[in-house]
Amino acid sequence: MEHKIYGVEELTRYIKEVLSGDPTLKDLWVTGEISNFHHHNSGHMYFTLKDDSSRLDAVMFKGHNSNLKFAPEDGLQVTARGYIDVYVPRGEYQFYVQQMEPEGKGALYLAYQQLKEELEEEGLFAEEEKQPIPALPTRIGVVTSPTGAAIRDILSVVERRFKNTSVLIVPSRVQGTGAADEIVAGLNYLNEKENVDLIIVSRGGGSIEDLWPFNEEKVARAIYSSSLPVISGVGHETDFTIADFVADLRAPTPSAAAEVAVSDFLELERNMDNLSQRLTGSFAGVLENYREKINSIAGRQIFQRPESLFADYVQQIDSLSQQLGWGMDKVFTGARRQCELLGGKLDTLSPLKTLSRGYSICTTEQGVTVKSIEQTREGETIYNRLLDGTIISEVQNIEEKNEQVGEKND
């Protein structure tokens, strides 16, 4: 009897065809705990699903796992949908996962918790990172659906509380595919405007799926990076999104977001009136206090007889003035006498005094004083200055001095 002999690959492919033809194995749900999880750099996920008594190798290709709302990890109990097939090169059957959800709270809630923990560890929720909300914004930017109830509530509150505040609406989808990108684009657009003081991101209530764009990481990081203060008014009072934690201020509803953003004009008026009255009363008290101090000071003797303050000084000035006069007279008298004495000495030494006694001063034509017969010669003109004039003469003869006789003949 002849037996059919299979090659290893041939048999493996046969088994693959048998398994692939089984309708149960073509589309089934499997529950188990993830272990040996590995997210390959190709984007594919490789892991094992296990229970207390068995293990099942599984793979989830990038095209399917890119839509997961949570991050798979070891120890996580999940329910997965897919099909069983054989990986021929290793001759192993494995579970090809197409969908996967965590058991218990659901994929979206798990994704929410995971992202919340990650951003909190990074410090995006820290109170010291929050920007102050301006007290009187002149222009508010609102990122929301232009047709939803949220924008109607916001505009109604602004109109009622402070009509002078303008609102710039940046239309955006607030749920569904692409909503997160539009919210981010709206935030970036308002941050580029120069006349916007504050941003509100808002939408009405809904399920976690409806609110999901406000739980996406890109929206959270756009809010955190905003140079303008951001108020989050998403959902109802019991709804909390990632945007609420990152925003500079969380409001429970869209209306509440508008109320915390815009001051009540009537309340401001009342506060201003109250402050004005307090200021007036305080100012009146200050004036009365100063008035009493002035009256007290004005009653002092120095203000009743102010001249008494300077009487002693006036007398001292008179005395010093008199002493100064005496001192100056004494100085001038001594100086006058000194001048007279010096004048007498000067007069005695004056050449004019000598001339008055019959002497003359002889000079050459060049005005040089002649002191010796060596300075002149016969025929030269000389000038003899006397007390009352000058005699001009010509030298006819020059005789040397006779020492014995002591005379000089002209």
Protein backbone atom coordinates (compact mmCIF):
# COMPACT_ATOMS: atom_id res chain seq x y z
CA MET A 1 0.00 0.00 0.00
CA GLU A 2 1.44 3.35 -1.09
CA HIS A 3 1.55 6.34 1.33
CA LYS A 4 1.49 10.01 0.31
CA ILE A 5 4.55 11.71 1.59
CA TYR A 6 4.33 15.45 2.33
CA GLY A 7 7.10 17.92 2.47
CA VAL A 8 7.16 20.16 5.55
CA GLU A 9 6.14 23.26 3.62
CA GLU A 10 3.48 21.34 1.71
CA LEU A 11 1.94 20.03 4.90
CA THR A 12 2.11 23.45 6.54
CA ARG A 13 0.31 25.05 3.62
CA TYR A 14 -2.31 22.27 3.73
CA ILE A 15 -2.95 23.00 7.38
CA LYS A 16 -3.14 26.70 6.53
CA GLU A 17 -5.82 25.96 3.91
CA VAL A 18 -7.81 23.84 6.38
CA LEU A 19 -7.70 26.51 9.05
CA SER A 20 -8.47 29.27 6.59
CA GLY A 21 -11.55 27.39 5.41
CA ASP A 22 -13.01 26.99 8.87
CA PRO A 23 -15.81 29.61 9.24
CA THR A 24 -15.32 29.80 13.01
CA LEU A 25 -11.67 30.72 12.64
CA LYS A 26 -12.29 33.33 9.95
CA ASP A 27 -13.91 35.83 12.32
CA LEU A 28 -13.84 35.35 16.07
CA TRP A 29 -13.41 37.24 19.36
CA VAL A 30 -10.80 36.15 21.86
CA THR A 31 -10.33 37.40 25.40
CA GLY A 32 -7.08 37.20 27.33
CA GLU A 33 -4.25 38.98 29.07
CA ILE A 34 -1.51 40.63 27.02
CA SER A 35 2.06 39.46 27.67
CA ASN A 36 5.40 39.75 25.84
CA PHE A 37 4.12 42.90 24.14
CA HIS A 38 6.46 44.40 21.53
CA HIS A 39 5.71 47.41 19.33
CA HIS A 40 8.09 46.96 16.41
CA ASN A 41 9.66 50.02 14.73
CA SER A 42 7.77 48.98 11.59
CA GLY A 43 4.58 49.87 13.42
CA HIS A 44 3.34 46.29 13.84
CA MET A 45 2.48 44.91 17.30
CA TYR A 46 3.51 41.44 18.44
CA PHE A 47 2.22 39.93 21.70
CA THR A 48 0.72 36.88 23.37
CA LEU A 49 -2.82 36.45 24.67
CA LYS A 50 -2.95 34.13 27.65
CA ASP A 51 -5.26 32.80 30.32
CA ASP A 52 -4.61 30.50 33.26
CA SER A 53 -3.96 27.43 31.10
CA SER A 54 -2.97 28.43 27.56
CA ARG A 55 -1.22 30.92 25.30
CA LEU A 56 -1.96 32.28 21.84
CA ASP A 57 0.58 34.18 19.73
CA ALA A 58 -0.94 37.29 18.13
CA VAL A 59 0.01 40.03 15.71
CA MET A 60 -1.73 43.34 14.95
CA PHE A 61 -0.47 45.09 11.86
CA LYS A 62 0.09 48.84 11.68
CA GLY A 63 -2.94 49.42 9.47
CA HIS A 64 -5.20 48.14 12.23
CA ASN A 65 -3.43 49.32 15.40
CA SER A 66 -3.13 52.95 14.24
CA ASN A 67 -6.81 53.42 15.16
CA LEU A 68 -6.46 52.18 18.74
CA LYS A 69 -7.62 54.68 21.37
CA PHE A 70 -5.38 53.18 24.05
CA ALA A 71 -1.81 51.91 24.38
CA PRO A 72 -1.61 48.11 24.81
CA GLU A 73 0.73 46.90 27.55
CA ASP A 74 1.65 43.76 29.44
CA GLY A 75 -0.92 42.69 32.00
CA LEU A 76 -3.85 44.39 30.28
CA GLN A 77 -6.97 42.25 29.88
CA VAL A 78 -8.41 42.73 26.40
CA THR A 79 -10.98 41.37 24.00
CA ALA A 80 -9.69 41.09 20.42
CA ARG A 81 -11.35 40.36 17.11
CA GLY A 82 -9.56 38.71 14.19
CA TYR A 83 -8.84 35.39 12.50
CA ILE A 84 -6.58 32.36 12.94
CA ASP A 85 -3.98 31.60 10.27
CA VAL A 86 -0.65 29.83 9.89
CA TYR A 87 2.68 31.62 9.53
CA VAL A 88 4.25 29.23 7.03
CA PRO A 89 7.99 30.06 7.53
CA ARG A 90 7.80 28.91 11.16
CA GLY A 91 4.91 26.51 10.85
CA GLU A 92 3.07 28.29 13.68
CA TYR A 93 -0.52 29.32 13.85
CA GLN A 94 -1.31 32.74 15.29
CA PHE A 95 -4.12 35.15 15.88
CA TYR A 96 -4.23 38.09 13.43
CA VAL A 97 -5.94 40.88 15.38
CA GLN A 98 -8.04 43.49 13.56
CA GLN A 99 -9.83 45.12 16.51
CA MET A 100 -9.02 45.27 20.21
CA GLU A 101 -10.62 46.81 23.27
CA PRO A 102 -9.67 46.73 26.93
CA GLU A 103 -12.10 44.95 29.16
CA GLY A 104 -13.89 46.80 31.90
CA LYS A 105 -13.99 50.61 31.37
CA GLY A 106 -13.46 50.60 27.62
CA ALA A 107 -10.79 51.76 25.20
CA LEU A 108 -11.61 55.46 25.23
CA TYR A 109 -11.61 55.70 29.01
CA LEU A 110 -8.31 53.83 29.18
CA ALA A 111 -6.80 56.12 26.53
CA TYR A 112 -8.07 59.12 28.51
CA GLN A 113 -6.46 57.86 31.70
CA GLN A 114 -3.17 57.02 30.02
CA LEU A 115 -2.84 60.41 28.32
CA LYS A 116 -3.91 62.24 31.47
CA GLU A 117 -1.19 60.50 33.52
CA GLU A 118 1.44 61.15 30.82
CA LEU A 119 0.69 64.88 30.50
CA GLU A 120 0.44 65.32 34.25
CA GLU A 121 3.90 63.79 34.67
CA GLU A 122 5.22 66.26 32.06
CA GLY A 123 3.85 69.15 34.10
CA LEU A 124 1.17 70.38 31.66
CA PHE A 125 -1.40 70.57 34.47
CA ALA A 126 0.83 72.43 36.97
CA GLU A 127 -0.79 75.45 38.60
CA GLU A 128 2.38 77.55 38.27
CA GLU A 129 2.08 77.19 34.48
CA LYS A 130 -1.40 78.75 34.42
CA GLN A 131 -1.78 82.25 32.97
CA PRO A 132 -3.98 84.83 34.73
CA ILE A 133 -7.34 85.60 33.14
CA PRO A 134 -7.62 89.33 32.20
CA ALA A 135 -10.20 91.20 34.28
CA LEU A 136 -11.66 93.24 31.39
CA PRO A 137 -10.93 91.61 28.03
CA THR A 138 -11.92 93.80 25.09
CA ARG A 139 -11.94 90.95 22.56
CA ILE A 140 -12.47 87.24 23.15
CA GLY A 141 -11.71 84.52 20.62
CA VAL A 142 -14.02 81.48 20.70
CA VAL A 143 -13.12 78.17 19.05
CA THR A 144 -16.35 76.19 18.67
CA SER A 145 -19.06 75.14 16.27
CA PRO A 146 -20.76 78.24 14.81
CA THR A 147 -24.14 76.45 14.81
CA GLY A 148 -24.08 74.76 18.21
CA ALA A 149 -25.82 75.75 21.42
CA ALA A 150 -22.49 76.59 23.05
CA ILE A 151 -21.84 79.70 20.94
CA ARG A 152 -25.41 80.94 21.45
CA ASP A 153 -25.02 80.61 25.20
CA ILE A 154 -21.66 82.43 25.13
CA LEU A 155 -22.94 85.32 23.02
CA SER A 156 -26.02 85.65 25.23
CA VAL A 157 -23.92 85.90 28.39
CA VAL A 158 -21.51 88.44 26.84
CA GLU A 159 -24.42 90.59 25.62
CA ARG A 160 -26.01 90.55 29.06
CA ARG A 161 -22.88 91.13 31.14
CA PHE A 162 -20.72 93.53 29.10
CA LYS A 163 -21.83 94.73 25.68
CA ASN A 164 -18.52 96.45 24.94
CA THR A 165 -16.69 93.11 24.76
CA SER A 166 -16.40 91.83 21.19
CA VAL A 167 -16.32 88.14 20.26
CA LEU A 168 -14.28 86.66 17.40
CA ILE A 169 -15.72 83.26 16.44
CA VAL A 170 -13.35 80.77 14.84
CA PRO A 171 -15.54 78.00 13.35
CA SER A 172 -14.48 74.46 14.14
CA ARG A 173 -15.96 71.01 14.27
CA VAL A 174 -16.18 69.86 17.87
CA GLN A 175 -16.72 66.13 17.35
CA GLY A 176 -15.86 63.46 14.84
CA THR A 177 -12.90 62.88 12.54
CA GLY A 178 -10.77 65.99 11.92
CA ALA A 179 -12.29 68.00 14.78
CA ALA A 180 -9.07 67.97 16.82
CA ASP A 181 -7.07 69.36 13.89
CA GLU A 182 -9.58 72.19 13.40
CA ILE A 183 -9.50 73.07 17.11
CA VAL A 184 -5.69 73.22 17.00
CA ALA A 185 -5.83 75.38 13.86
CA GLY A 186 -8.28 77.74 15.58
CA LEU A 187 -6.03 78.12 18.62
CA ASN A 188 -3.01 78.83 16.43
CA TYR A 189 -4.96 81.38 14.39
CA LEU A 190 -6.08 83.33 17.47
CA ASN A 191 -2.55 83.34 18.87
CA GLU A 192 -1.42 85.15 15.72
CA LYS A 193 -4.01 87.91 16.15
CA GLU A 194 -2.76 91.05 17.91
CA ASN A 195 -6.05 92.31 19.34
CA VAL A 196 -7.30 89.17 21.12
CA ASP A 197 -7.03 89.08 24.93
CA LEU A 198 -8.48 85.67 25.75
CA ILE A 199 -9.52 82.34 24.13
CA ILE A 200 -12.46 80.09 24.97
CA VAL A 201 -12.61 76.51 23.61
CA SER A 202 -16.09 75.19 24.03
CA ARG A 203 -18.87 72.77 23.10
CA GLY A 204 -22.01 71.40 24.71
CA GLY A 205 -22.42 68.10 26.48
CA GLY A 206 -22.27 64.64 24.98
CA SER A 207 -20.87 61.15 25.31
CA ILE A 208 -17.19 60.44 25.74
CA GLU A 209 -17.03 59.77 22.00
CA ASP A 210 -18.59 63.17 21.27
CA LEU A 211 -16.17 64.97 23.59
CA TRP A 212 -13.16 62.98 22.42
CA PRO A 213 -11.48 65.75 20.31
CA PHE A 214 -10.93 67.65 23.58
CA ASN A 215 -9.14 64.57 24.97
CA GLU A 216 -6.62 64.32 22.13
CA GLU A 217 -2.95 65.03 22.81
CA LYS A 218 -2.56 67.54 19.96
CA VAL A 219 -5.34 69.72 21.39
CA ALA A 220 -3.86 69.53 24.90
CA ARG A 221 -0.42 70.61 23.67
CA ALA A 222 -1.88 73.44 21.57
CA ILE A 223 -3.69 74.81 24.64
CA TYR A 224 -0.53 74.49 26.76
CA SER A 225 1.55 76.29 24.10
CA SER A 226 -0.91 79.16 23.72
CA SER A 227 0.55 82.57 24.52
CA LEU A 228 -3.00 83.78 25.26
CA PRO A 229 -4.93 82.61 28.34
CA VAL A 230 -7.35 79.77 27.52
CA ILE A 231 -10.65 78.95 29.25
CA SER A 232 -12.09 75.48 28.65
CA GLY A 233 -15.87 75.22 28.72
CA VAL A 234 -16.61 71.72 27.44
CA GLY A 235 -19.65 69.58 28.14
CA HIS A 236 -21.69 69.62 31.33
CA GLU A 237 -20.61 70.19 34.91
CA THR A 238 -19.78 66.50 35.43
CA ASP A 239 -17.74 66.19 32.22
CA PHE A 240 -13.97 66.46 32.52
CA THR A 241 -11.68 66.44 29.49
CA ILE A 242 -7.91 66.67 29.07
CA ALA A 243 -8.47 70.22 27.76
CA ASP A 244 -9.98 71.16 31.14
CA PHE A 245 -6.81 70.16 32.99
CA VAL A 246 -4.42 71.90 30.58
CA ALA A 247 -6.42 75.13 30.21
CA ASP A 248 -5.61 78.14 32.37
CA LEU A 249 -9.14 77.98 33.76
CA ARG A 250 -11.82 75.28 33.59
CA ALA A 251 -15.49 76.27 33.40
CA PRO A 252 -18.19 73.61 33.90
CA THR A 253 -20.29 74.77 30.92
CA PRO A 254 -20.00 77.13 27.92
CA SER A 255 -22.18 79.71 29.71
CA ALA A 256 -19.98 79.53 32.78
CA ALA A 257 -16.92 80.03 30.56
CA ALA A 258 -18.43 83.28 29.26
CA GLU A 259 -19.33 84.39 32.79
CA VAL A 260 -15.80 83.95 34.14
CA ALA A 261 -14.36 85.59 31.02
CA VAL A 262 -16.56 88.69 31.00
CA SER A 263 -17.13 90.85 34.05
CA ASP A 264 -20.68 91.88 34.88
CA PHE A 265 -21.03 95.56 33.95
CA LEU A 266 -23.72 96.23 36.58
CA GLU A 267 -21.59 94.55 39.24
CA LEU A 268 -18.62 96.68 38.18
CA GLU A 269 -20.77 99.80 38.47
CA ARG A 270 -21.87 98.80 41.96
CA ASN A 271 -18.29 98.08 42.97
CA MET A 272 -17.15 101.40 41.52
CA ASP A 273 -19.87 103.27 43.44
CA ASN A 274 -18.92 101.45 46.62
CA LEU A 275 -15.23 102.22 46.12
CA SER A 276 -16.04 105.83 45.30
CA GLN A 277 -18.01 106.23 48.52
CA ARG A 278 -15.26 104.59 50.53
CA LEU A 279 -12.67 106.81 48.87
CA THR A 280 -14.71 109.93 49.55
CA GLY A 281 -15.20 108.98 53.20
CA SER A 282 -11.55 108.10 53.60
CA PHE A 283 -10.47 111.34 51.93
CA ALA A 284 -12.79 113.39 54.16
CA GLY A 285 -11.31 111.72 57.23
CA VAL A 286 -7.78 112.48 56.03
CA LEU A 287 -8.69 116.13 55.40
CA GLU A 288 -10.26 116.47 58.85
CA ASN A 289 -7.16 114.98 60.44
CA TYR A 290 -4.91 117.46 58.62
CA ARG A 291 -7.27 120.33 59.48
CA GLU A 292 -6.95 119.51 63.19
CA LYS A 293 -3.17 119.35 62.90
CA ILE A 294 -3.08 122.72 61.12
CA ASN A 295 -5.30 124.36 63.76
CA SER A 296 -3.11 122.94 66.50
CA ILE A 297 0.04 124.25 64.85
CA ALA A 298 -1.53 127.62 64.06
CA GLY A 299 -2.29 128.15 67.78
CA ARG A 300 1.36 127.96 68.76
CA GLN A 301 3.07 131.20 69.90
CA ILE A 302 5.51 131.15 67.02
CA PHE A 303 2.66 131.65 64.59
CA GLN A 304 0.96 134.25 66.79
CA ARG A 305 4.17 136.37 67.04
CA PRO A 306 6.41 135.18 64.21
CA GLU A 307 8.74 138.17 64.65
CA SER A 308 9.91 136.80 67.99
CA LEU A 309 11.53 133.96 66.12
CA PHE A 310 13.90 136.41 64.39
CA ALA A 311 14.28 139.17 67.04
CA ASP A 312 17.55 137.86 68.47
CA TYR A 313 18.98 137.36 65.01
CA VAL A 314 18.04 140.92 63.99
CA GLN A 315 19.86 142.34 67.00
CA GLN A 316 22.90 140.18 66.32
CA ILE A 317 22.95 141.40 62.73
CA ASP A 318 22.80 145.05 63.87
CA SER A 319 25.66 144.49 66.30
CA LEU A 320 27.78 142.70 63.72
CA SER A 321 27.01 145.42 61.17
CA GLN A 322 28.22 148.11 63.59
CA GLN A 323 31.39 146.16 64.39
CA LEU A 324 31.99 145.68 60.69
CA GLY A 325 31.73 149.46 60.13
CA TRP A 326 34.20 150.19 62.89
CA GLY A 327 36.59 147.58 61.63
CA MET A 328 36.41 148.89 58.07
CA ASP A 329 37.04 152.50 59.22
CA LYS A 330 40.09 151.34 61.14
CA VAL A 331 41.41 149.41 58.16
CA PHE A 332 40.81 152.36 55.78
CA THR A 333 42.45 154.85 58.15
CA GLY A 334 45.56 152.70 58.49
CA ALA A 335 45.66 152.15 54.73
CA ARG A 336 45.30 155.90 54.09
CA ARG A 337 48.19 156.71 56.42
CA GLN A 338 50.31 154.06 54.77
CA CYS A 339 49.53 155.52 51.37
CA GLU A 340 50.46 159.03 52.52
CA LEU A 341 53.75 157.77 53.90
CA LEU A 342 54.59 155.91 50.76
CA GLY A 343 53.56 158.95 48.67
CA GLY A 344 55.99 161.13 50.59
CA LYS A 345 58.79 158.64 50.02
CA LEU A 346 57.86 158.39 46.37
CA ASP A 347 57.85 162.19 46.03
CA THR A 348 61.28 162.41 47.61
CA LEU A 349 62.66 159.91 45.15
CA SER A 350 60.85 161.40 42.17
CA PRO A 351 63.06 162.85 39.35
CA LEU A 352 60.78 165.89 39.30
CA LYS A 353 61.80 166.70 42.86
CA THR A 354 65.44 166.63 41.76
CA LEU A 355 64.68 168.91 38.84
CA SER A 356 62.99 171.41 41.15
CA ARG A 357 66.30 171.88 42.95
CA GLY A 358 68.04 173.18 39.74
CA TYR A 359 69.23 169.92 38.23
CA SER A 360 68.57 168.80 34.64
CA ILE A 361 68.48 165.48 32.80
CA CYS A 362 70.61 165.29 29.64
CA THR A 363 69.54 162.89 26.83
CA THR A 364 70.61 162.14 23.27
CA GLU A 365 68.41 162.54 20.25
CA GLN A 366 67.46 158.90 20.72
CA GLY A 367 66.26 159.62 24.27
CA VAL A 368 69.14 157.82 25.97
CA THR A 369 70.16 159.45 29.27
CA VAL A 370 73.67 160.81 29.08
CA LYS A 371 75.65 159.77 32.15
CA SER A 372 79.16 160.09 30.76
CA ILE A 373 81.04 162.28 28.28
CA GLU A 374 81.77 159.01 26.46
CA GLN A 375 78.11 158.95 25.31
CA THR A 376 78.36 162.11 23.18
CA ARG A 377 80.67 163.99 20.85
CA GLU A 378 81.23 167.48 19.57
CA GLY A 379 78.57 168.80 17.16
CA GLU A 380 75.92 166.40 18.48
CA THR A 381 72.57 167.76 19.61
CA ILE A 382 71.59 167.06 23.19
CA TYR A 383 68.44 167.68 25.23
CA ASN A 384 68.49 169.11 28.73
CA ARG A 385 65.23 168.62 30.55
CA LEU A 386 64.50 171.12 33.32
CA LEU A 387 61.55 171.36 35.69
CA ASP A 388 59.59 173.68 33.42
CA GLY A 389 60.85 172.60 29.94
CA THR A 390 63.70 171.37 27.72
CA ILE A 391 66.77 173.15 26.35
CA ILE A 392 68.10 171.87 23.03
CA SER A 393 71.82 172.60 22.54
CA GLU A 394 74.78 171.58 20.44
CA VAL A 395 77.96 170.18 21.96
CA GLN A 396 80.85 172.52 21.10
CA ASN A 397 83.50 171.23 23.45
CA ILE A 398 83.92 168.27 25.81
CA GLU A 399 86.18 168.51 28.87
CA GLU A 400 87.04 165.73 31.20
CA LYS A 401 86.41 166.15 34.93
CA ASN A 402 89.21 167.85 36.91
CA GLU A 403 89.51 165.63 40.00
CA GLN A 404 91.62 168.17 42.01
CA VAL A 405 89.46 171.15 41.36
CA GLY A 406 86.15 169.19 41.38
CA GLU A 407 84.70 171.40 38.72
CA LYS A 408 83.48 170.94 35.18
CA ASN A 409 83.70 173.72 32.52
CA ASP A 410 81.23 173.79 29.66
